[in-house]
Amino acid sequence: MQLLWQLRQSLRLGRQVQTRVRIEASCQARKGFYCLLCEDACPQQAIKASSEGVSVNMAACDGCGACGLACLHGAITLIPQL
């Protein structure tokens, strides 16, 4: 509840809210299945899927959320960084 209030307050004051991407255990690529939905959706090319799993280049990620929208399995969570 406190985090939601801080998020609303930041938006009200016109501050940009930074987000970070977290890949959950339900990610199909991490389980070894062929899935590139998040990688294909990322406009910054910050997500890379390989045989070892999925990695996110946090320096390149701008937190737009396109990866989370593209993931059909709900394996991507955006976490606000206030």
C-alpha atoms as a PDB file:
ATOM      1  CA  MET A   1       0.000   0.000   0.000  1.00  0.00           C
ATOM      2  CA  GLN A   2       2.837   2.374   0.884  1.00  0.00           C
ATOM      3  CA  LEU A   3       4.585   1.678  -2.445  1.00  0.00           C
ATOM      4  CA  LEU A   4       1.387   2.451  -4.370  1.00  0.00           C
ATOM      5  CA  TRP A   5       1.005   5.740  -2.506  1.00  0.00           C
ATOM      6  CA  GLN A   6       4.636   6.688  -3.273  1.00  0.00           C
ATOM      7  CA  LEU A   7       4.120   5.832  -6.932  1.00  0.00           C
ATOM      8  CA  ARG A   8       1.004   8.012  -7.171  1.00  0.00           C
ATOM      9  CA  GLN A   9       2.745  10.848  -5.343  1.00  0.00           C
ATOM     10  CA  SER A  10       5.727  10.709  -7.712  1.00  0.00           C
ATOM     11  CA  LEU A  11       3.469  10.798 -10.749  1.00  0.00           C
ATOM     12  CA  ARG A  12       1.496  13.697  -9.281  1.00  0.00           C
ATOM     13  CA  LEU A  13       4.717  15.667  -8.837  1.00  0.00           C
ATOM     14  CA  GLY A  14       5.783  14.969 -12.416  1.00  0.00           C
ATOM     15  CA  ARG A  15       8.708  12.736 -11.564  1.00  0.00           C
ATOM     16  CA  GLN A  16       9.686   9.923 -13.858  1.00  0.00           C
ATOM     17  CA  VAL A  17       9.225   6.525 -12.238  1.00  0.00           C
ATOM     18  CA  GLN A  18      12.032   4.104 -13.053  1.00  0.00           C
ATOM     19  CA  THR A  19      11.230   0.406 -13.264  1.00  0.00           C
ATOM     20  CA  ARG A  20      13.315  -2.735 -13.271  1.00  0.00           C
ATOM     21  CA  VAL A  21      12.482  -6.034 -14.919  1.00  0.00           C
ATOM     22  CA  ARG A  22      12.318  -9.277 -12.973  1.00  0.00           C
ATOM     23  CA  ILE A  23      12.069 -12.599 -14.833  1.00  0.00           C
ATOM     24  CA  GLU A  24      10.094 -15.160 -12.813  1.00  0.00           C
ATOM     25  CA  ALA A  25      10.696 -18.911 -12.582  1.00  0.00           C
ATOM     26  CA  SER A  26       7.667 -19.539 -14.833  1.00  0.00           C
ATOM     27  CA  CYS A  27       9.620 -18.175 -17.826  1.00  0.00           C
ATOM     28  CA  GLN A  28       9.441 -20.741 -20.618  1.00  0.00           C
ATOM     29  CA  ALA A  29      12.920 -19.879 -21.950  1.00  0.00           C
ATOM     30  CA  ARG A  30      14.380 -20.476 -18.473  1.00  0.00           C
ATOM     31  CA  LYS A  31      12.691 -23.871 -18.463  1.00  0.00           C
ATOM     32  CA  GLY A  32      14.415 -24.751 -21.736  1.00  0.00           C
ATOM     33  CA  PHE A  33      11.516 -24.166 -24.131  1.00  0.00           C
ATOM     34  CA  TYR A  34      11.846 -22.082 -27.275  1.00  0.00           C
ATOM     35  CA  CYS A  35      10.286 -18.694 -26.493  1.00  0.00           C
ATOM     36  CA  LEU A  36      11.559 -15.321 -27.690  1.00  0.00           C
ATOM     37  CA  LEU A  37       8.468 -13.176 -27.127  1.00  0.00           C
ATOM     38  CA  CYS A  38      10.093 -10.811 -24.630  1.00  0.00           C
ATOM     39  CA  GLU A  39      13.324 -10.547 -26.609  1.00  0.00           C
ATOM     40  CA  ASP A  40      11.436  -9.719 -29.813  1.00  0.00           C
ATOM     41  CA  ALA A  41       9.252  -7.148 -28.032  1.00  0.00           C
ATOM     42  CA  CYS A  42      12.084  -5.177 -26.405  1.00  0.00           C
ATOM     43  CA  PRO A  43      12.711  -1.956 -28.373  1.00  0.00           C
ATOM     44  CA  GLN A  44      16.030  -1.430 -26.549  1.00  0.00           C
ATOM     45  CA  GLN A  45      17.239  -4.992 -27.239  1.00  0.00           C
ATOM     46  CA  ALA A  46      17.995  -5.321 -23.535  1.00  0.00           C
ATOM     47  CA  ILE A  47      16.692  -8.904 -23.225  1.00  0.00           C
ATOM     48  CA  LYS A  48      18.598 -11.900 -24.529  1.00  0.00           C
ATOM     49  CA  ALA A  49      17.324 -15.473 -24.434  1.00  0.00           C
ATOM     50  CA  SER A  50      19.839 -18.277 -24.750  1.00  0.00           C
ATOM     51  CA  SER A  51      20.197 -21.928 -23.823  1.00  0.00           C
ATOM     52  CA  GLU A  52      21.178 -20.819 -20.287  1.00  0.00           C
ATOM     53  CA  GLY A  53      17.973 -18.799 -19.871  1.00  0.00           C
ATOM     54  CA  VAL A  54      17.039 -15.138 -20.121  1.00  0.00           C
ATOM     55  CA  SER A  55      19.228 -12.201 -19.172  1.00  0.00           C
ATOM     56  CA  VAL A  56      18.333  -8.515 -18.934  1.00  0.00           C
ATOM     57  CA  ASN A  57      20.883  -5.786 -19.594  1.00  0.00           C
ATOM     58  CA  MET A  58      19.705  -3.306 -16.950  1.00  0.00           C
ATOM     59  CA  ALA A  59      21.892  -0.539 -18.404  1.00  0.00           C
ATOM     60  CA  ALA A  60      20.025  -0.761 -21.713  1.00  0.00           C
ATOM     61  CA  CYS A  61      16.554  -1.374 -20.232  1.00  0.00           C
ATOM     62  CA  ASP A  62      14.409   1.765 -20.032  1.00  0.00           C
ATOM     63  CA  GLY A  63      11.543   0.061 -18.169  1.00  0.00           C
ATOM     64  CA  CYS A  64       8.969   0.565 -20.928  1.00  0.00           C
ATOM     65  CA  GLY A  65       7.150  -2.698 -20.127  1.00  0.00           C
ATOM     66  CA  ALA A  66       6.888  -4.041 -23.687  1.00  0.00           C
ATOM     67  CA  CYS A  67       8.422  -7.332 -22.559  1.00  0.00           C
ATOM     68  CA  GLY A  68       5.812  -7.797 -19.841  1.00  0.00           C
ATOM     69  CA  LEU A  69       2.991  -7.155 -22.291  1.00  0.00           C
ATOM     70  CA  ALA A  70       4.445  -9.641 -24.773  1.00  0.00           C
ATOM     71  CA  CYS A  71       4.924 -12.468 -22.264  1.00  0.00           C
ATOM     72  CA  LEU A  72       1.971 -14.825 -22.524  1.00  0.00           C
ATOM     73  CA  HIS A  73       3.014 -16.683 -19.375  1.00  0.00           C
ATOM     74  CA  GLY A  74       3.097 -13.726 -16.987  1.00  0.00           C
ATOM     75  CA  ALA A  75       6.729 -14.390 -16.189  1.00  0.00           C
ATOM     76  CA  ILE A  76       7.873 -10.750 -16.309  1.00  0.00           C
ATOM     77  CA  THR A  77       7.273  -8.307 -13.490  1.00  0.00           C
ATOM     78  CA  LEU A  78       8.097  -4.602 -13.579  1.00  0.00           C
ATOM     79  CA  ILE A  79       9.238  -3.278 -10.222  1.00  0.00           C
ATOM     80  CA  PRO A  80       9.065   0.494  -9.601  1.00  0.00           C
ATOM     81  CA  GLN A  81      12.253   2.045  -8.239  1.00  0.00           C
ATOM     82  CA  LEU A  82      11.361   5.202  -6.336  1.00  0.00           C
END
